[in-house]
Protein backbone atom coordinates (compact mmCIF):
# COMPACT_ATOMS: atom_id res chain seq x y z
CA MET A 1 131.90 52.10 42.05
CA GLU A 2 130.83 49.43 44.11
CA SER A 3 131.79 51.06 47.67
CA PHE A 4 129.88 53.78 46.64
CA GLU A 5 126.67 51.45 46.14
CA ILE A 6 127.40 50.14 49.60
CA ILE A 7 127.10 53.40 51.15
CA VAL A 8 124.06 54.91 49.37
CA ARG A 9 122.37 51.38 50.56
CA GLN A 10 123.42 51.39 54.28
CA ALA A 11 122.15 55.08 54.13
CA MET A 12 118.97 54.17 52.91
CA LEU A 13 118.53 51.43 55.34
CA TYR A 14 119.72 53.28 58.51
CA SER A 15 118.52 56.71 57.71
CA PHE A 16 114.91 55.77 59.14
CA PRO A 17 115.68 53.19 62.01
CA LEU A 18 118.17 56.15 62.69
CA LEU A 19 115.77 59.22 62.63
CA PHE A 20 113.26 56.87 64.61
CA THR A 21 115.76 56.32 67.57
CA LEU A 22 117.32 59.90 67.68
CA THR A 23 113.53 61.15 67.93
CA VAL A 24 112.42 58.73 70.59
CA ILE A 25 115.04 58.42 73.16
CA PRO A 26 115.15 62.49 73.53
CA MET A 27 111.36 62.26 73.83
CA LEU A 28 111.43 59.92 76.24
CA GLU A 29 114.34 61.34 78.21
CA ALA A 30 112.58 64.52 78.43
CA ARG A 31 109.68 63.05 79.30
CA TYR A 32 111.26 61.33 82.48
CA PHE A 33 113.40 64.45 83.65
CA LYS A 34 110.13 66.73 82.87
CA VAL A 35 112.17 69.18 80.66
CA ALA A 36 111.44 70.70 77.37
CA PRO A 37 112.89 68.19 74.66
CA GLN A 38 115.86 68.99 72.80
CA TRP A 39 115.52 67.17 69.72
CA PHE A 40 118.79 67.04 67.64
CA TRP A 41 122.60 68.61 67.98
CA HIS A 42 125.34 69.22 65.46
CA GLY A 43 126.93 66.11 66.56
CA ALA A 44 123.79 63.79 65.76
CA TRP A 45 124.41 62.66 62.69
CA LEU A 46 128.38 63.01 62.36
CA PRO A 47 129.19 59.32 63.90
CA PHE A 48 126.52 58.15 61.85
CA VAL A 49 127.91 59.64 58.35
CA VAL A 50 131.45 58.51 59.30
CA SER A 51 130.42 55.00 60.17
CA VAL A 52 128.92 54.45 57.04
CA VAL A 53 131.69 56.05 54.78
CA PHE A 54 134.01 54.09 56.30
CA LEU A 55 131.75 51.05 56.17
CA ARG A 56 132.23 50.19 59.56
CA GLY A 57 130.26 47.26 61.02
CA MET A 58 129.50 49.34 64.04
CA ILE A 59 126.54 51.93 63.21
CA ILE A 60 126.64 54.75 65.68
CA GLY A 61 124.37 57.92 65.94
CA LEU A 62 124.27 60.52 68.75
CA PRO A 63 120.99 61.26 70.73
CA LYS A 64 120.73 64.69 72.08
CA PRO A 65 121.23 64.13 75.77
CA GLN A 66 118.53 65.82 78.05
CA ARG A 67 120.65 65.63 80.97
CA GLN A 68 124.18 64.71 81.85
CA GLY A 69 125.29 62.17 84.75
CA LEU A 70 124.83 58.30 85.32
CA GLN A 71 121.08 58.17 85.77
CA ALA A 72 120.86 59.52 82.70
CA ALA A 73 122.94 57.53 80.68
CA LEU A 74 121.48 54.34 82.50
CA LEU A 75 118.07 55.48 81.49
CA ARG A 76 119.32 55.94 77.76
CA PHE A 77 121.00 52.13 78.06
CA GLY A 78 117.44 50.98 79.12
CA LEU A 79 115.45 52.93 76.19
CA HIS A 80 118.08 51.56 73.37
CA THR A 81 117.17 48.27 75.21
CA ALA A 82 113.75 48.91 74.50
CA LEU A 83 113.78 49.86 71.06
CA CYS A 84 116.84 47.03 70.66
CA LEU A 85 113.49 44.40 71.46
CA LEU A 86 110.97 46.30 69.65
CA GLY A 87 113.18 46.12 66.30
CA PHE A 88 113.55 42.20 67.65
CA ILE A 89 109.49 41.96 67.77
CA LEU A 90 108.68 43.77 64.75
CA TYR A 91 111.86 41.69 62.75
CA THR A 92 109.98 38.45 63.72
CA TRP A 93 106.62 39.75 63.03
CA ALA A 94 108.43 40.48 59.65
CA LEU A 95 109.57 37.37 59.04
CA GLN A 96 106.07 35.26 59.73
CA HIS A 97 104.70 37.81 56.75
CA ALA A 98 107.24 37.55 54.41
CA GLN A 99 106.24 37.72 50.65
CA PRO A 100 106.59 33.96 48.99
CA THR A 101 109.36 35.58 46.31
CA GLY A 102 111.80 38.24 45.61
CA LEU A 103 113.51 40.54 48.52
CA PRO A 104 111.51 41.33 51.52
CA PRO A 105 109.59 44.43 51.28
CA LEU A 106 111.27 47.62 53.01
CA HIS A 107 109.79 47.26 56.57
CA HIS A 108 111.64 43.54 57.12
CA TRP A 109 114.91 45.63 56.43
CA TRP A 110 114.11 48.55 58.63
CA ALA A 111 112.96 46.25 61.79
CA LYS A 112 116.35 44.02 61.27
CA VAL A 113 118.06 47.75 61.26
CA LEU A 114 116.59 48.66 64.12
CA MET A 115 117.13 45.80 66.29
CA TYR A 116 120.69 46.23 65.22
CA LEU A 117 121.35 49.94 65.43
CA ASN A 118 119.99 49.76 68.95
CA LEU A 119 122.15 46.76 69.87
CA CYS A 120 125.21 48.99 68.67
CA LEU A 121 124.18 52.12 71.05
CA MET A 122 123.67 49.67 73.67
CA GLY A 123 127.47 48.67 73.32
CA LEU A 124 128.20 52.16 73.28
CA HIS A 125 126.79 53.02 75.97
CA LEU A 126 128.57 50.33 78.13
CA LEU A 127 131.95 51.65 77.51
CA PRO A 128 131.69 54.97 79.64
CA LEU A 129 129.61 53.61 82.13
CA PRO A 130 132.83 52.29 84.56
CA SER A 131 134.45 55.77 84.19
CA MET A 132 130.73 57.72 84.65
CA VAL A 133 130.05 55.60 87.93
CA MET A 134 133.91 56.49 89.03
CA GLY A 135 133.37 60.05 88.06
CA GLU A 136 129.81 60.20 90.14
CA LEU A 137 132.03 59.32 92.92
CA LEU A 138 134.67 61.88 92.25
CA PHE A 139 132.44 64.40 92.02
CA SER A 140 130.81 63.68 95.27
CA PHE A 141 133.61 65.20 97.03
CA SER A 142 132.74 68.87 97.39
CA SER A 143 136.27 70.13 96.15
CA LEU A 144 135.99 69.03 92.80
CA LYS A 145 132.53 70.00 92.15
CA THR A 146 134.00 73.69 90.56
CA PHE A 147 134.99 71.56 87.64
CA ALA A 148 131.81 69.57 86.84
CA PRO A 149 130.42 72.39 84.54
CA TRP A 150 133.31 72.99 82.89
CA LEU A 151 134.02 69.24 82.04
CA ARG A 152 130.16 68.50 81.22
CA SER A 153 129.95 71.33 78.48
CA ARG A 154 132.62 70.04 76.48
CA THR A 155 130.99 68.06 74.08
CA PHE A 156 134.24 67.41 71.90
CA PHE A 157 135.49 65.02 74.99
CA VAL A 158 133.04 62.56 73.85
CA LEU A 159 132.36 63.53 69.79
CA ILE A 160 136.09 63.37 69.04
CA PRO A 161 137.18 60.08 70.71
CA ILE A 162 134.11 58.19 69.33
CA LEU A 163 135.03 59.64 65.39
CA VAL A 164 138.54 58.63 66.09
CA LEU A 165 137.30 55.20 66.96
CA LEU A 166 134.92 55.15 63.92
CA VAL A 167 137.22 55.56 61.47
CA THR A 168 139.66 52.93 62.67
CA PRO A 169 138.39 49.47 63.26
CA LEU A 170 138.90 49.11 66.59
CA LEU A 171 134.95 49.21 67.96
CA ASP A 172 134.05 46.53 65.35
CA ILE A 173 137.03 44.41 66.55
CA LEU A 174 136.80 44.96 70.59
CA LEU A 175 133.19 45.86 71.29
CA GLY A 176 131.67 44.48 67.99
CA GLY A 177 133.60 40.93 67.98
CA ASN A 178 132.97 40.67 71.50
CA ILE A 179 129.30 41.98 72.30
CA VAL A 180 127.27 43.14 69.70
CA PHE A 181 128.06 40.65 67.09
CA PRO A 182 127.36 37.85 68.89
CA VAL A 183 124.40 38.90 70.57
CA TYR A 184 122.91 40.16 67.17
CA GLU A 185 123.40 36.73 65.57
CA GLN A 186 121.76 35.32 68.64
CA LEU A 187 118.69 37.58 68.44
CA ALA A 188 118.63 37.06 64.45
CA SER A 189 118.79 33.19 64.66
CA LEU A 190 116.26 33.68 68.07
CA ALA A 191 113.81 35.49 65.02
CA THR A 192 114.00 32.87 62.84
CA ALA A 193 113.28 30.41 64.96
CA PHE A 194 109.75 31.81 65.76
């Protein structure tokens, strides 16, 4: 019963920042590439549900990519960085305007979660970047371009490994323990220092 309460609490805390992130990232990406935005896809919330149900430390949600390729991935990484900094600024502001007694208001938690969620998504974007750079180099050869549409259209090549990683604690241990959690700890302590 206690784990069910944790799942419900995490779902409540993460839903609004995740909805905000999954809306803003495709909107800005579509504006940059001058295409009509495609908001959500069937795999957008699935990693979030898996990471919350299995009580993982890394909370993952995938925005619908408006375009494939290295440039779009770097743009999404930059947008997650900007949203992480926005969460940091809002969290710093919420700490300075906290209520004197009782639990902090909900916007305090949402700002902290916005910072942490986008930090997790930044870390998740770091994983495929080396192989994407190698893929861009390989697909520069004309003989391999015939395979590009087939490989890029298969979303399960991305979604299934992420779901498997979320069920196991590998992402928490490797990516979270080495990159996300130390950076988050530094940001949270920096926000309380202001």
